[in-house]
Amino acid sequence: MELIFVDNDEKAALFLKVHTIINKNVPNWIRPLDKDIEQVFDPKKNKAFRQGEAARWILKDDRGNLVGRIAAFVNKKYKNKDDEQPTGGIGFFDCIDDQSAANLLFDTAKEWLKSKGMEAMDGPINFGERDRWWGLLVAGFHEPLYGMNFNPPYYIQLFENYGFQPFFHQKCFSLDVKNPLEDKHYRRHAAIASDPSYRAEHLKKDQVEKYAKDFVSIYNKAWKQHGGGKDMQLPQALALFKSMKPVMDERIVWYVYHNDEPIGCWLNLPELNQYFKYLNGKFNLWAKLKFLLIKTFKRNPKFTGILFGFIPEYQGKGLDSYLIVEGAKVIQVGKLYEEYEMQWIGDFNPKMINVAEGLGGFVNRKLTTYRYLFDRNQPFKRHPILS
């Protein structure tokens, strides 16, 4: 076998090609947009390069056929609660069903990470935010959501036979939009709705800067601890919201305010892979025109949850029910969508799992973030439960 370090555009194109070769005959696979993968490894477009670095390899067999790929990352800001060692990441792993080939890829990434001072590796993860390319699919091998990893089932054995252990599981909940909410949500909603100091509203596209600012305020109070303790900056949020604006449906993005201060949000998007699955990974001019035609004339039956929550001092007060009912008043009218799927929720976050279950959601797929400790005598610890 020949291991090749990716150091030019030609090899980067082969890195993309590996994923298509391995997965093209796997049922329900949707090819990711090439540009989305390329951006991960572009220092001009991925801010993770400001505090880290990445390396990529492709693997060929003795006949010159592409049979695998892997990337490894070091990110100074990557940290999970109670981590006791510097931990790197691996991702964008693909491999034929051959343990020796997988081991060669894993060993290569491990040695590179060791040379950078790392003592463990998590994977498969993203070199960047956790809302994309995070976790190995272990259950629910149906069409992936946009930005979600997808892999053949045998990858589980490739990881676990090498010695990776589950660090945390990622549950994805789905529900039928037309199903009525439980009575408890309406009772809690009524109690809060009677107080005029509270209000809920959906995003308005002509005020996207305002809602980006409100999002930063909420995020930095509610989710900072989940993202390794790093603040989100307003320019970052503005760029995010402006990039999403062409595909946003303002009727499914909601905020809650108390005395006009933003205290919670529920961010959703139409499920973009329902459009992109027709583009074969491309997003050139013709693909963009095709996307616009599909978006305009083909109904999208699914929308997906990106983020839901409240700042700490407003948690546990029934405001989740208030927000859900306010949103349902709009979302359930006119049959905008048929199916709702939430982005993954870590099994270390029982509060959010309770919210998903309270909505009537059921687990329809599961991913796993694995960890491998380089010191094989070091005790392994799962991700701690968040209080």
Foldseek 3Di string as FASTA:
>chain_A
DDKAKDDDPVVLVVLLVLVCVQPVPPPQEFRAASVVVVLLQDVVRAVQVVAKHKIKMWDADPVRHTFWIKMKMAGPLDDFPPDPWREIEMASIGGDLDLVVLLVRVVVNVVVVVVVVGFKYKDDQGSHDGLARGFAWQAQQHHDFHRYDHDDNSVVVSQVVSPWDFQWKWFKWKDWLQDDADPVLVVLLVVVVVDVQKDKDFDDLVPLLVVLVLVQVWCLQAPCNRSSNDGDDSVNSSVVSVVCSVFADRLQKMFMGGNNRTWWIWDKTQRCSVQSSVQRNHDPPVSVVSSVVCVVPPQRQEMETRDTDGGVVPPPSSVLSNGVVVSSVRCNPPNSHTMYMYRIDIPLEVVVVVSSVSRVIDGNTMGTIIMDGNPPPDDDDHRHRDD
